[in-house]
Amino acid sequence: MTPDLSVIIPVYNRGPMIRYALESVRRASAGLEVETIVVDDGSEPPTAGVLSELGFAPSLLVRQANQGLLYARLAGLGRAAGRHVVFLDSDDLVSADKFRLQLAAHESTGADVSYTDFAHCILEGEYDSLRPVADPPTADTSDATEFGIRVQPPPHSPMYEVDWLRRTVERPFIPPSPLYNSCAEIWFYQNGALLGGRAVRVAGPHAIVGMHPGARLTGHWERIAVGSLAVMEAFARVDAGSPVAARARQLMAEVVFRAWRALPRDFSPEFSGRLIGLWSRLGRGRTAELGGRGFRALSGLLGPLHAARMLRRWQASPYAASRTMTDAELVELLGALPPP
């Protein structure tokens, strides 16, 4: 029997912390045909021993040399047999009714991708003692292009129709690269945005971000920012000949400009300059979508770029308030990028 859903869980040196994710999948799978694929991305010691100690036997355990998160997800997708796919990080959870609700949404709407709101939770103690706290609702859209450019929820929020997802990644507009490992979901989102399709939001905080003292990619926002810049610059090189691609470029221009406005005021000049260059190459988008009422009034006098620079000097925080790495580490990350 074809499973209703394949849950793909990449793992790299996570240890017993994975027990929370596995328990959430077990509870959400009740009454459904769900296969769980664990991809061990070169963990030492191998994840098989941890799973055995936890008493968990996945439907499939794939072990590969360490290649990074993007390639681990692609390896799991290549082995998936389900009609739908969810990617779950090894320290994140799903609500007990997430799978059922999203499968029903796919059935009723014919959507290519569904997604949910999310929550966050401290991972400590027994599973039944966890207390998720809901985050603000996610933006609502029925357009897979807008979903992939503007919405971009946590990676375990979406559920994909497997044939649509495979069309997205088997001949991707943006080929995979190790540069994108820090933001693997962005690579999936932007390739899907260029393909186009139907999205549906399932209300409620059904994707739960696990908080804990261990290492998380989100602990180094600069690394994610540089990876995202690499994906977006590759996105800008895609031919915009189709209406879907043209709309995606417009939305991306607006997102890029807002991302530049949100940077610390003294953040890397190279990074900031590449973002503004990218905004210009993408067509600059609609001024009404680049900022609020005050920004629009000022941009009517000065133009959007000069208005934003003035506001950044007043409103943006210094980099010291959010720094997670040294200048040398940031320079090294930027040095790995191809020319814009």
Protein backbone atom coordinates (compact mmCIF):
# COMPACT_ATOMS: atom_id res chain seq x y z
CA MET A 1 0.00 0.00 0.00
CA THR A 2 1.25 3.47 -0.89
CA PRO A 3 1.77 5.48 2.31
CA ASP A 4 -0.30 8.60 2.80
CA LEU A 5 2.81 10.46 3.86
CA SER A 6 6.61 10.21 3.98
CA VAL A 7 8.25 12.06 6.89
CA ILE A 8 11.91 12.77 6.14
CA ILE A 9 14.15 13.53 9.15
CA PRO A 10 17.79 14.46 8.44
CA VAL A 11 20.05 13.92 11.45
CA TYR A 12 23.58 15.09 12.17
CA ASN A 13 25.05 14.43 15.62
CA ARG A 14 21.74 15.15 17.32
CA GLY A 15 21.98 12.43 19.99
CA PRO A 16 18.98 11.53 22.17
CA MET A 17 17.39 14.99 21.62
CA ILE A 18 15.74 13.43 18.57
CA ARG A 19 13.37 11.54 20.86
CA TYR A 20 10.99 14.51 20.97
CA ALA A 21 10.69 14.71 17.19
CA LEU A 22 10.18 10.96 16.88
CA GLU A 23 7.50 10.89 19.56
CA SER A 24 5.63 13.74 17.88
CA VAL A 25 5.67 11.84 14.58
CA ARG A 26 4.44 8.67 16.29
CA ARG A 27 1.45 10.47 17.77
CA ALA A 28 0.64 12.37 14.57
CA SER A 29 0.73 9.14 12.54
CA ALA A 30 -2.14 7.44 14.41
CA GLY A 31 -4.74 6.11 11.97
CA LEU A 32 -2.63 7.00 8.90
CA GLU A 33 -0.19 5.16 6.66
CA VAL A 34 3.04 7.06 7.39
CA GLU A 35 6.61 6.06 6.58
CA THR A 36 9.44 7.67 8.51
CA ILE A 37 12.77 8.08 6.71
CA VAL A 38 15.75 9.05 8.88
CA VAL A 39 18.77 10.30 6.91
CA ASP A 40 21.97 10.09 8.94
CA ASP A 41 24.21 12.74 7.38
CA GLY A 42 27.51 11.34 8.60
CA SER A 43 26.87 11.43 12.36
CA GLU A 44 29.56 10.08 14.67
CA PRO A 45 28.69 7.81 16.30
CA PRO A 46 26.11 6.69 13.74
CA THR A 47 22.50 7.54 14.48
CA ALA A 48 21.51 3.85 14.30
CA GLY A 49 22.83 3.33 17.82
CA VAL A 50 20.84 6.27 19.20
CA LEU A 51 17.65 5.02 17.53
CA SER A 52 18.20 1.55 18.97
CA GLU A 53 18.65 2.97 22.48
CA LEU A 54 15.43 4.96 22.07
CA GLY A 55 13.57 1.86 20.86
CA PHE A 56 12.63 3.50 17.56
CA ALA A 57 12.83 1.68 14.24
CA PRO A 58 12.21 4.02 11.27
CA SER A 59 10.66 2.68 8.10
CA LEU A 60 14.00 3.41 6.45
CA LEU A 61 17.38 4.53 7.79
CA VAL A 62 19.69 6.05 5.17
CA ARG A 63 23.32 6.74 6.11
CA GLN A 64 25.53 8.92 3.92
CA ALA A 65 28.82 10.77 4.20
CA ASN A 66 28.30 14.27 5.58
CA GLN A 67 26.99 16.48 2.77
CA GLY A 68 24.78 18.96 4.59
CA LEU A 69 21.10 19.52 5.19
CA LEU A 70 19.99 20.19 1.61
CA TYR A 71 21.53 16.98 0.32
CA ALA A 72 20.18 14.96 3.25
CA ARG A 73 16.65 16.13 2.43
CA LEU A 74 17.14 15.30 -1.24
CA ALA A 75 18.43 11.84 -0.32
CA GLY A 76 15.33 11.21 1.76
CA LEU A 77 13.04 12.50 -1.00
CA GLY A 78 14.70 10.14 -3.47
CA ARG A 79 13.66 7.18 -1.30
CA ALA A 80 10.18 8.40 -0.34
CA ALA A 81 7.21 6.23 -1.34
CA GLY A 82 4.39 8.37 0.08
CA ARG A 83 1.85 10.49 -1.81
CA HIS A 84 2.87 13.50 0.29
CA VAL A 85 6.09 14.58 1.98
CA VAL A 86 6.99 16.49 5.15
CA PHE A 87 10.54 17.47 6.10
CA LEU A 88 11.09 17.47 9.84
CA ASP A 89 14.27 18.69 11.51
CA SER A 90 15.52 16.39 14.24
CA ASP A 91 14.83 18.90 17.03
CA ASP A 92 11.39 20.07 15.90
CA LEU A 93 7.92 18.67 16.55
CA VAL A 94 4.51 18.37 14.94
CA SER A 95 1.14 18.53 16.67
CA ALA A 96 -0.85 15.33 17.04
CA ASP A 97 -3.34 16.40 14.35
CA LYS A 98 -0.99 18.11 11.87
CA PHE A 99 -0.73 15.25 9.39
CA ARG A 100 -4.45 14.48 9.41
CA LEU A 101 -5.48 18.11 8.92
CA GLN A 102 -3.04 18.79 6.10
CA LEU A 103 -3.84 15.56 4.26
CA ALA A 104 -7.52 16.52 4.44
CA ALA A 105 -6.68 19.97 3.06
CA HIS A 106 -4.85 18.43 0.11
CA GLU A 107 -7.76 16.10 -0.54
CA SER A 108 -10.37 18.87 -0.47
CA THR A 109 -8.45 21.53 -2.44
CA GLY A 110 -6.05 19.65 -4.70
CA ALA A 111 -3.22 21.83 -3.35
CA ASP A 112 0.40 21.25 -4.30
CA VAL A 113 1.60 22.49 -0.93
CA SER A 114 -0.16 23.05 2.39
CA TYR A 115 1.27 24.82 5.41
CA THR A 116 0.39 25.62 9.00
CA ASP A 117 1.01 28.24 11.64
CA PHE A 118 3.71 27.45 14.19
CA ALA A 119 4.68 27.54 17.84
CA HIS A 120 7.84 27.21 19.89
CA CYS A 121 8.61 24.97 22.83
CA ILE A 122 11.49 24.29 25.25
CA LEU A 123 12.62 20.68 24.88
CA GLU A 124 13.23 19.36 28.38
CA GLY A 125 11.65 16.75 30.60
CA GLU A 126 8.99 14.25 29.59
CA TYR A 127 7.14 14.68 26.31
CA ASP A 128 3.75 15.15 27.98
CA SER A 129 5.16 18.01 30.07
CA LEU A 130 6.10 20.11 27.01
CA ARG A 131 4.18 23.39 26.70
CA PRO A 132 4.17 24.85 23.18
CA VAL A 133 3.57 28.60 22.91
CA ALA A 134 1.84 29.77 19.73
CA ASP A 135 3.56 32.35 17.51
CA PRO A 136 1.65 34.93 15.43
CA PRO A 137 -0.39 33.42 12.58
CA THR A 138 1.34 32.88 9.24
CA ALA A 139 0.27 34.92 6.22
CA ASP A 140 -2.53 33.36 4.18
CA THR A 141 -2.14 32.64 0.47
CA SER A 142 -3.42 30.17 -2.10
CA ASP A 143 -0.56 30.93 -4.51
CA ALA A 144 2.50 28.66 -4.34
CA THR A 145 4.63 31.44 -5.82
CA GLU A 146 3.70 33.85 -3.04
CA PHE A 147 4.11 31.05 -0.49
CA GLY A 148 7.66 30.35 -1.66
CA ILE A 149 8.77 33.98 -1.78
CA ARG A 150 6.86 35.83 0.94
CA VAL A 151 5.54 33.32 3.46
CA GLN A 152 8.45 30.90 3.94
CA PRO A 153 7.37 29.25 7.23
CA PRO A 154 9.61 26.94 9.29
CA PRO A 155 10.67 23.92 7.21
CA HIS A 156 8.42 21.41 9.02
CA SER A 157 5.29 23.51 8.41
CA PRO A 158 4.74 22.59 4.73
CA MET A 159 3.36 19.33 3.39
CA TYR A 160 4.05 18.73 -0.30
CA GLU A 161 2.25 16.69 -2.91
CA VAL A 162 5.10 14.38 -3.88
CA ASP A 163 4.77 14.59 -7.68
CA TRP A 164 4.78 18.41 -7.57
CA LEU A 165 7.80 18.42 -5.26
CA ARG A 166 9.70 16.02 -7.47
CA ARG A 167 8.96 18.19 -10.54
CA THR A 168 10.37 21.06 -8.51
CA VAL A 169 13.68 19.39 -7.63
CA GLU A 170 14.42 16.92 -10.42
CA ARG A 171 14.92 19.72 -12.96
CA PRO A 172 15.36 22.68 -10.62
CA PHE A 173 15.56 26.25 -11.83
CA ILE A 174 18.28 26.72 -9.20
CA PRO A 175 20.60 23.66 -9.08
CA PRO A 176 21.58 22.42 -5.60
CA SER A 177 24.83 23.67 -4.07
CA PRO A 178 26.57 23.26 -0.70
CA LEU A 179 26.25 27.05 -0.40
CA TYR A 180 22.54 26.52 0.35
CA ASN A 181 22.90 24.00 3.19
CA SER A 182 22.34 26.66 5.85
CA CYS A 183 18.96 27.56 4.32
CA ALA A 184 17.88 24.35 2.60
CA GLU A 185 14.17 25.16 2.87
CA ILE A 186 14.73 28.45 0.99
CA TRP A 187 16.11 26.46 -1.94
CA PHE A 188 12.95 24.33 -2.00
CA TYR A 189 10.69 27.36 -1.58
CA GLN A 190 12.24 29.39 -4.38
CA ASN A 191 12.34 26.53 -6.88
CA GLY A 192 8.67 25.85 -6.10
CA ALA A 193 7.84 29.55 -6.49
CA LEU A 194 9.27 29.52 -10.01
CA LEU A 195 7.25 26.40 -10.88
CA GLY A 196 3.99 27.83 -9.52
CA GLY A 197 0.99 25.95 -8.18
CA ARG A 198 -1.72 25.98 -5.54
CA ALA A 199 -1.13 26.47 -1.81
CA VAL A 200 -3.48 26.17 1.16
CA ARG A 201 -2.99 27.33 4.73
CA VAL A 202 -4.21 25.12 7.58
CA ALA A 203 -4.80 27.43 10.53
CA GLY A 204 -3.35 26.55 13.90
CA PRO A 205 0.17 26.19 15.39
CA HIS A 206 0.82 22.64 14.19
CA ALA A 207 4.57 23.01 13.48
CA ILE A 208 6.52 23.37 16.73
CA VAL A 209 10.07 24.76 16.81
CA GLY A 210 12.14 23.01 19.48
CA MET A 211 14.24 25.27 21.71
CA HIS A 212 17.25 23.81 23.54
CA PRO A 213 20.89 24.59 24.47
CA GLY A 214 22.33 22.50 21.63
CA ALA A 215 23.53 23.80 18.28
CA ARG A 216 20.93 25.04 15.80
CA LEU A 217 21.45 26.62 12.41
CA THR A 218 19.23 29.47 13.57
CA GLY A 219 21.84 30.23 16.24
CA HIS A 220 23.94 31.94 13.54
CA TRP A 221 21.65 34.21 11.59
CA GLU A 222 24.56 35.52 9.52
CA ARG A 223 25.20 32.04 8.12
CA ILE A 224 21.56 31.72 7.09
CA ALA A 225 21.62 35.25 5.64
CA VAL A 226 24.67 34.51 3.46
CA GLY A 227 23.17 31.21 2.29
CA SER A 228 19.90 32.96 1.47
CA LEU A 229 21.79 35.62 -0.48
CA ALA A 230 23.44 32.88 -2.53
CA VAL A 231 20.05 31.33 -3.36
CA MET A 232 18.51 34.71 -4.22
CA GLU A 233 21.38 35.68 -6.49
CA ALA A 234 20.98 32.34 -8.30
CA PHE A 235 17.23 33.03 -8.49
CA ALA A 236 17.94 36.37 -10.20
CA ARG A 237 19.87 34.54 -12.94
CA VAL A 238 16.83 32.42 -13.90
CA ASP A 239 15.15 33.43 -17.18
CA ALA A 240 11.97 35.39 -16.40
CA GLY A 241 10.23 34.43 -19.64
CA SER A 242 7.09 32.95 -18.07
CA PRO A 243 4.36 34.89 -16.24
CA VAL A 244 5.01 32.81 -13.10
CA ALA A 245 8.72 33.69 -13.14
CA ALA A 246 7.98 37.37 -13.79
CA ARG A 247 5.64 37.52 -10.79
CA ALA A 248 8.18 35.64 -8.67
CA ARG A 249 10.85 38.21 -9.54
CA GLN A 250 8.56 41.07 -8.57
CA LEU A 251 7.80 39.49 -5.21
CA MET A 252 11.47 38.67 -4.66
CA ALA A 253 12.50 42.27 -5.33
CA GLU A 254 10.14 43.45 -2.61
CA VAL A 255 11.36 40.80 -0.14
CA VAL A 256 15.01 41.64 -0.85
CA PHE A 257 14.47 45.35 -0.23
CA ARG A 258 12.68 44.70 3.06
CA ALA A 259 15.47 42.32 4.09
CA TRP A 260 18.03 45.04 3.39
CA ARG A 261 16.03 47.53 5.46
CA ALA A 262 15.97 45.06 8.38
CA LEU A 263 19.78 44.65 8.53
CA PRO A 264 21.75 46.21 11.38
CA ARG A 265 22.83 49.66 10.25
CA ASP A 266 26.55 48.86 10.39
CA PHE A 267 26.39 45.31 9.00
CA SER A 268 28.80 44.16 6.29
CA PRO A 269 28.94 46.76 3.46
CA GLU A 270 29.60 43.96 0.98
CA PHE A 271 26.50 42.06 2.02
CA SER A 272 24.36 45.20 2.03
CA GLY A 273 25.66 46.26 -1.37
CA ARG A 274 24.94 42.86 -2.89
CA LEU A 275 21.37 42.97 -1.58
CA ILE A 276 20.75 46.39 -3.14
CA GLY A 277 22.32 45.25 -6.41
CA LEU A 278 20.05 42.21 -6.36
CA TRP A 279 16.99 44.39 -5.75
CA SER A 280 17.86 46.49 -8.79
CA ARG A 281 18.46 43.44 -11.03
CA LEU A 282 15.11 41.95 -10.03
CA GLY A 283 13.21 45.04 -11.14
CA ARG A 284 12.75 46.84 -7.78
CA GLY A 285 9.14 45.71 -7.28
CA ARG A 286 6.26 47.96 -6.22
CA THR A 287 7.10 50.91 -3.99
CA ALA A 288 3.87 50.36 -2.03
CA GLU A 289 5.23 46.96 -0.93
CA LEU A 290 8.65 48.21 0.19
CA GLY A 291 7.56 49.85 3.45
CA GLY A 292 4.81 51.47 5.49
CA ARG A 293 3.02 54.79 5.19
CA GLY A 294 5.89 56.91 6.50
CA PHE A 295 8.36 55.23 4.17
CA ARG A 296 6.07 55.73 1.18
CA ALA A 297 5.64 59.43 1.95
CA LEU A 298 9.40 59.92 2.27
CA SER A 299 10.15 57.87 -0.85
CA GLY A 300 7.79 60.13 -2.81
CA LEU A 301 10.24 62.96 -2.07
CA LEU A 302 13.59 61.16 -2.10
CA GLY A 303 13.01 57.89 -3.93
CA PRO A 304 12.84 54.51 -2.15
CA LEU A 305 16.58 53.93 -1.79
CA HIS A 306 17.42 57.32 -0.26
CA ALA A 307 14.32 57.20 1.94
CA ALA A 308 15.26 53.78 3.26
CA ARG A 309 18.85 54.80 3.94
CA MET A 310 17.67 57.76 5.97
CA LEU A 311 15.24 55.64 7.98
CA ARG A 312 17.85 52.95 8.59
CA ARG A 313 20.17 55.47 10.21
CA TRP A 314 17.41 56.35 12.67
CA GLN A 315 15.71 53.00 13.20
CA ALA A 316 18.14 50.11 12.64
CA SER A 317 19.97 48.60 15.60
CA PRO A 318 23.78 48.23 15.66
CA TYR A 319 25.27 44.92 14.58
CA ALA A 320 26.79 44.44 18.05
CA ALA A 321 23.28 43.84 19.42
CA SER A 322 22.79 40.70 17.31
CA ARG A 323 26.29 39.55 16.31
CA THR A 324 26.94 35.78 16.54
CA MET A 325 30.30 35.56 14.72
CA THR A 326 33.50 37.48 14.20
CA ASP A 327 34.18 39.78 11.25
CA ALA A 328 36.76 37.27 9.98
CA GLU A 329 34.17 34.46 9.99
CA LEU A 330 31.69 36.62 8.10
CA VAL A 331 34.32 37.62 5.53
CA GLU A 332 35.12 33.94 5.01
CA LEU A 333 31.44 33.12 4.40
CA LEU A 334 31.06 35.93 1.89
CA GLY A 335 34.31 34.92 0.18
CA ALA A 336 32.80 31.54 -0.71
CA LEU A 337 30.03 33.15 -2.80
CA PRO A 338 30.32 33.40 -6.57
CA PRO A 339 30.35 36.91 -8.07
CA PRO A 340 26.87 38.50 -8.04
